[in-house]
Protein backbone atom coordinates (compact mmCIF):
# COMPACT_ATOMS: atom_id res chain seq x y z
CA MET A 1 -81.32 188.87 179.52
CA THR A 2 -82.72 186.12 181.94
CA ALA A 3 -81.01 185.10 185.29
CA ASN A 4 -81.14 181.54 183.70
CA ASN A 5 -77.91 182.67 181.65
CA ALA A 6 -76.35 184.87 184.42
CA PRO A 7 -72.90 183.83 185.34
CA GLY A 8 -72.43 182.65 188.36
CA GLY A 9 -76.30 182.54 189.11
CA ILE A 10 -78.43 185.01 190.82
CA PHE A 11 -78.56 186.29 194.22
CA THR A 12 -81.89 187.33 195.53
CA THR A 13 -81.52 189.63 198.34
CA ALA A 14 -84.36 189.57 201.12
CA ASP A 15 -86.23 192.70 199.77
CA GLY A 16 -86.48 190.31 196.62
CA THR A 17 -83.72 192.50 194.24
CA PRO A 18 -81.77 189.82 191.68
CA PHE A 19 -77.43 190.14 191.39
CA SER A 20 -75.46 188.81 188.78
CA ARG A 21 -73.55 187.52 190.74
CA MET A 22 -70.81 187.89 188.60
CA GLY A 23 -70.88 191.61 187.72
CA TYR A 24 -68.99 194.27 186.08
CA GLY A 25 -67.28 197.13 187.97
CA ALA A 26 -67.12 200.23 185.74
CA MET A 27 -63.54 201.87 186.97
CA GLN A 28 -61.81 200.62 184.32
CA LEU A 29 -63.65 202.53 181.78
CA ALA A 30 -61.91 205.77 182.85
CA GLY A 31 -58.76 207.10 182.10
CA PRO A 32 -55.14 206.18 183.45
CA GLY A 33 -55.65 206.43 187.47
CA VAL A 34 -59.20 206.56 187.39
CA TRP A 35 -59.91 209.97 185.44
CA GLY A 36 -60.11 211.59 182.45
CA PRO A 37 -61.52 209.63 178.95
CA PRO A 38 -61.41 205.98 177.92
CA LYS A 39 -58.53 205.95 175.30
CA ASN A 40 -60.93 204.10 173.42
CA ARG A 41 -64.81 204.78 174.37
CA GLU A 42 -65.84 202.27 171.53
CA GLU A 43 -64.20 199.07 173.41
CA ALA A 44 -65.49 201.05 176.55
CA VAL A 45 -69.13 200.81 175.10
CA ALA A 46 -68.25 197.56 173.69
CA VAL A 47 -67.62 196.12 176.91
CA LEU A 48 -70.31 197.38 179.16
CA ARG A 49 -73.05 195.64 175.89
CA ALA A 50 -71.26 192.59 175.43
CA ALA A 51 -70.94 192.38 180.10
CA VAL A 52 -74.83 192.62 180.04
CA GLU A 53 -75.43 190.17 176.75
CA ALA A 54 -73.83 187.73 178.57
CA GLY A 55 -75.93 187.86 181.03
CA ALA A 56 -74.70 190.14 184.37
CA ASN A 57 -77.28 192.35 185.32
CA HIS A 58 -75.22 194.09 187.88
CA ILE A 59 -73.20 197.69 187.02
CA ASP A 60 -70.75 199.34 189.97
CA THR A 61 -69.87 202.42 189.22
CA ALA A 62 -69.61 206.13 191.11
CA ASP A 63 -69.69 209.30 189.37
CA PHE A 64 -66.40 210.58 190.20
CA TYR A 65 -65.09 207.78 188.62
CA GLY A 66 -63.94 210.28 185.67
CA PRO A 67 -65.31 212.29 187.61
CA HIS A 68 -69.27 211.97 185.94
CA VAL A 69 -66.91 209.80 182.83
CA THR A 70 -68.27 206.11 183.88
CA ASN A 71 -71.42 207.12 184.09
CA GLU A 72 -71.76 209.06 180.84
CA ILE A 73 -70.45 205.91 179.26
CA ILE A 74 -72.94 203.38 181.00
CA ARG A 75 -75.83 205.80 179.86
CA GLU A 76 -75.06 206.07 175.93
CA ALA A 77 -74.46 202.06 175.95
CA LEU A 78 -76.97 200.49 178.39
CA HIS A 79 -80.11 203.18 178.46
CA PRO A 80 -82.63 202.94 179.47
CA TYR A 81 -81.37 199.82 181.87
CA ASP A 82 -83.91 197.15 181.18
CA GLU A 83 -83.40 195.07 184.25
CA ILE A 84 -80.34 195.92 184.89
CA GLN A 85 -79.12 196.83 188.53
CA ILE A 86 -76.59 199.91 188.12
CA VAL A 87 -75.41 200.10 191.75
CA THR A 88 -73.46 203.63 192.41
CA LYS A 89 -71.29 204.98 195.21
CA VAL A 90 -71.47 207.81 197.35
CA GLY A 91 -69.19 209.80 200.17
CA SER A 92 -66.56 210.78 197.70
CA ILE A 93 -65.06 213.62 194.85
CA ARG A 94 -62.27 213.51 193.25
CA ASP A 95 -60.03 216.35 193.82
CA GLY A 96 -57.74 219.14 191.22
CA ASN A 97 -54.41 216.96 192.29
CA GLY A 98 -56.30 213.71 190.90
CA GLY A 99 -57.25 212.34 194.82
CA TRP A 100 -59.99 210.95 196.33
CA PRO A 101 -61.05 213.59 199.12
CA HIS A 102 -64.16 212.12 201.34
CA ALA A 103 -67.51 214.31 200.89
CA ARG A 104 -70.06 212.75 203.18
CA SER A 105 -72.25 215.99 205.18
CA PRO A 106 -75.45 215.49 203.56
CA GLN A 107 -75.80 219.12 201.22
CA GLN A 108 -72.84 217.16 199.67
CA LEU A 109 -74.51 213.56 199.85
CA ARG A 110 -77.30 215.26 197.81
CA GLU A 111 -75.32 216.80 195.39
CA GLN A 112 -73.77 213.47 194.17
CA VAL A 113 -76.74 212.04 194.57
CA GLU A 114 -78.59 214.95 192.07
CA SER A 115 -75.07 214.58 189.79
CA ASN A 116 -75.98 210.81 189.22
CA LEU A 117 -79.10 210.79 188.17
CA GLU A 118 -77.91 213.54 186.04
CA THR A 119 -75.14 211.58 184.46
CA LEU A 120 -76.82 208.19 184.29
CA GLY A 121 -79.78 209.52 183.03
CA VAL A 122 -82.39 208.30 185.58
CA ASP A 123 -85.12 209.41 188.03
CA VAL A 124 -84.41 207.14 190.97
CA LEU A 125 -81.24 205.36 191.55
CA ASP A 126 -81.15 201.70 191.60
CA VAL A 127 -78.53 201.30 194.43
CA VAL A 128 -76.79 203.29 196.61
CA ASN A 129 -73.44 203.10 198.49
CA LEU A 130 -72.05 204.44 201.37
CA ARG A 131 -68.63 204.75 201.31
CA VAL A 132 -67.13 204.88 204.69
CA GLY A 133 -63.47 204.34 205.10
CA GLY A 134 -60.57 204.19 202.96
CA GLY A 135 -57.56 203.69 205.42
CA PRO A 136 -53.83 204.17 204.91
CA ASP A 137 -54.39 201.51 201.96
CA GLY A 138 -57.50 203.24 200.85
CA HIS A 139 -59.72 199.88 200.89
CA SER A 140 -60.27 199.02 204.68
CA PRO A 141 -62.75 200.12 207.04
CA VAL A 142 -62.20 203.33 209.47
CA PRO A 143 -64.30 203.05 213.06
CA GLY A 144 -66.55 206.26 213.32
CA SER A 145 -70.19 206.84 213.45
CA LEU A 146 -72.43 207.04 209.90
CA ALA A 147 -75.38 207.96 211.12
CA GLU A 148 -75.29 211.38 210.24
CA PRO A 149 -74.74 210.37 206.62
CA PHE A 150 -76.37 207.63 206.00
CA GLY A 151 -78.99 209.23 208.14
CA ALA A 152 -79.22 211.84 204.96
CA LEU A 153 -79.19 208.79 202.51
CA ALA A 154 -82.62 206.63 203.78
CA GLU A 155 -83.81 210.21 203.34
CA LEU A 156 -83.25 210.74 199.74
CA ARG A 157 -84.53 207.01 199.63
CA ARG A 158 -87.64 208.41 201.46
CA GLU A 159 -87.46 211.23 198.33
CA GLY A 160 -87.91 208.61 195.64
CA LYS A 161 -84.69 208.83 194.54
CA ILE A 162 -83.37 206.42 195.61
CA ARG A 163 -84.63 202.77 195.33
CA HIS A 164 -82.49 200.49 197.97
CA LEU A 165 -78.98 201.68 199.75
CA GLY A 166 -76.05 200.03 200.16
CA LEU A 167 -72.64 200.55 201.92
CA SER A 168 -69.09 200.48 200.98
CA VAL A 169 -65.71 199.60 203.66
CA VAL A 170 -67.39 199.62 206.99
CA ASP A 171 -67.03 197.26 209.66
CA ALA A 172 -69.40 194.92 211.35
CA GLU A 173 -70.47 197.60 213.69
CA GLN A 174 -70.50 200.26 211.25
CA VAL A 175 -73.42 197.64 209.07
CA ALA A 176 -75.81 197.17 212.26
CA GLU A 177 -75.45 201.22 213.42
CA ALA A 178 -76.43 201.72 209.03
CA GLN A 179 -79.33 199.01 210.12
CA ALA A 180 -81.22 199.99 212.68
CA ILE A 181 -81.77 203.28 210.17
CA ALA A 182 -82.68 201.92 207.11
CA PRO A 183 -82.86 198.32 205.38
CA ILE A 184 -79.51 197.81 203.14
CA VAL A 185 -79.50 194.90 200.23
CA THR A 186 -75.25 195.24 200.33
CA VAL A 187 -72.26 195.29 201.70
CA GLN A 188 -68.93 196.13 199.29
CA ASN A 189 -65.43 195.69 201.10
CA TRP A 190 -62.05 194.36 200.42
CA TYR A 191 -62.26 190.72 200.78
CA ASN A 192 -60.07 187.55 198.98
CA VAL A 193 -58.74 184.13 198.91
CA ALA A 194 -55.79 186.11 201.01
CA HIS A 195 -57.65 189.10 202.61
CA ARG A 196 -60.31 187.46 204.93
CA GLY A 197 -61.13 189.45 207.46
CA ASP A 198 -65.15 189.42 206.96
CA GLU A 199 -65.49 186.02 207.27
CA ASP A 200 -67.88 186.47 210.11
CA LEU A 201 -69.66 189.28 208.34
CA ILE A 202 -70.80 187.37 205.47
CA ARG A 203 -72.38 184.96 207.24
CA SER A 204 -74.18 187.43 209.01
CA LEU A 205 -75.47 189.11 205.75
CA ALA A 206 -76.20 185.82 204.01
CA GLU A 207 -78.35 185.11 207.35
CA GLN A 208 -80.68 188.10 206.41
CA GLY A 209 -80.20 187.82 202.77
CA ILE A 210 -78.06 190.48 202.01
CA ALA A 211 -75.55 190.68 199.32
CA TYR A 212 -71.70 190.95 199.37
CA THR A 213 -69.82 192.66 197.26
CA ALA A 214 -66.26 191.39 196.98
CA PHE A 215 -63.34 193.91 195.13
CA TRP A 216 -60.33 193.94 194.26
CA PRO A 217 -59.91 189.75 193.87
CA LEU A 218 -55.99 189.90 193.81
CA GLY A 219 -55.48 193.04 195.79
CA GLY A 220 -53.12 192.49 198.90
CA PHE A 221 -51.38 189.59 197.94
CA SER A 222 -47.88 188.39 199.48
CA PRO A 223 -45.04 187.26 196.76
CA LEU A 224 -45.53 184.14 198.64
CA GLN A 225 -49.04 184.04 198.44
CA SER A 226 -49.26 185.05 194.49
CA GLY A 227 -46.85 182.14 193.79
CA ALA A 228 -48.98 179.72 195.66
CA LEU A 229 -52.19 180.90 193.36
CA ASP A 230 -49.88 181.06 190.36
CA GLN A 231 -49.53 177.13 190.73
CA VAL A 232 -53.39 176.93 190.72
CA ALA A 233 -53.68 178.28 187.81
CA GLN A 234 -51.12 176.86 186.56
CA LYS A 235 -52.07 173.60 187.16
CA LEU A 236 -56.00 173.71 186.48
CA GLY A 237 -54.79 175.80 182.93
CA THR A 238 -56.08 178.89 183.82
CA THR A 239 -55.44 182.77 185.64
CA PRO A 240 -54.86 183.59 189.04
CA LYS A 241 -57.62 186.17 188.38
CA ALA A 242 -59.88 183.12 187.38
CA VAL A 243 -58.86 180.94 190.07
CA ALA A 244 -59.60 184.37 192.51
CA ILE A 245 -63.08 185.00 190.76
CA ALA A 246 -64.06 181.30 191.25
CA TRP A 247 -62.90 181.07 195.04
CA LEU A 248 -65.23 183.94 196.14
CA LEU A 249 -67.93 182.22 193.92
CA HIS A 250 -67.57 179.27 196.14
CA ARG A 251 -67.42 181.02 198.92
CA ALA A 252 -70.46 181.99 199.91
CA PRO A 253 -74.26 182.31 197.97
CA ASN A 254 -74.52 185.76 199.19
CA ILE A 255 -70.93 186.28 197.63
CA LEU A 256 -70.62 188.34 193.79
CA VAL A 257 -68.03 189.88 192.36
CA ILE A 258 -67.27 193.12 190.24
CA PRO A 259 -64.26 192.48 188.10
CA GLY A 260 -62.97 195.67 185.60
CA THR A 261 -61.83 195.58 181.92
CA SER A 262 -61.08 198.17 179.09
CA LYS A 263 -61.32 194.91 177.35
CA VAL A 264 -64.00 192.66 175.57
CA THR A 265 -61.15 190.07 175.32
CA HIS A 266 -60.26 190.60 179.01
CA LEU A 267 -64.19 190.49 179.64
CA ARG A 268 -65.19 187.30 178.59
CA GLU A 269 -61.94 185.45 180.67
CA ASN A 270 -63.03 186.97 183.63
CA LEU A 271 -67.06 185.43 183.05
CA ALA A 272 -65.71 182.32 181.79
CA ALA A 273 -64.27 182.60 185.61
CA ALA A 274 -67.76 181.55 187.04
CA ALA A 275 -67.94 178.29 185.24
CA LEU A 276 -64.80 177.42 186.48
CA SER A 277 -64.72 173.96 189.13
CA LEU A 278 -62.25 173.63 191.59
CA PRO A 279 -61.38 170.67 192.93
CA ALA A 280 -61.26 169.39 196.13
CA ASP A 281 -56.88 169.87 196.20
CA ALA A 282 -57.47 173.28 194.58
CA LEU A 283 -59.44 174.48 197.43
CA ALA A 284 -56.83 173.28 200.08
CA ALA A 285 -54.02 175.01 198.16
CA LEU A 286 -56.13 178.12 198.26
CA GLU A 287 -56.71 177.36 201.93
CA ALA A 288 -52.98 177.66 203.03
CA VAL A 289 -52.80 180.75 200.96
CA ALA A 290 -54.71 182.13 204.02
CA ALA A 291 -52.89 180.80 206.17
């Protein structure tokens, strides 16, 4: 795989880390509720290999997906990860009811990093995001200091277990607090056509050469907003998800997207969104969605 064929192109961070702007999110490779094994493990392996063959070098995962399931499938499909950036998350675990409780003490984070190393089959993790927030909707930042947990990850980076650090579900103040402790290469937050709270943060990160990974491209839409997106998609002869992904890639050069699927056919549909051109009238209609 080379940068030349990466869907949506490549964003290279200020420290030289290359991410395909169109990545792949592995959450859906686990079973229902992101718990247990997939119904079709062979298809899960095929999806990952197809994503990389199409030029995606950016695979997003977490050892608490399954738990352990997605990492183990990634290892089976892609190890030894030549020219692939595996981005994982820590800061949560799974409980017996399938919940996602926070687990951010230094010891808990060390255990999670060690588990990721084992399940991915590597000596050092490419990128580790500290998942901080959640809130009532499960996807929004929650104010509070992250000095202790991020400091613990910075120590693991100094030990050589982590190559790069990032953050997930955070606000601008938390980003600044983390940067005073150690460099970051990415921030992963909820952002889409209808949910644009991070506009200033995205611009600031772009100026610093830091990637912004937008998750949940169709999340949080009202019925009226969904209807408007549907109309744009119908006019362009494509799907609402493709339009939402194309808009994200158009919005700022440092925005990365990580749509996930457990089907090769759906993967190809998602990747095709990277080549979708949005004419001026479509962009104007999408601006109205946010309004």
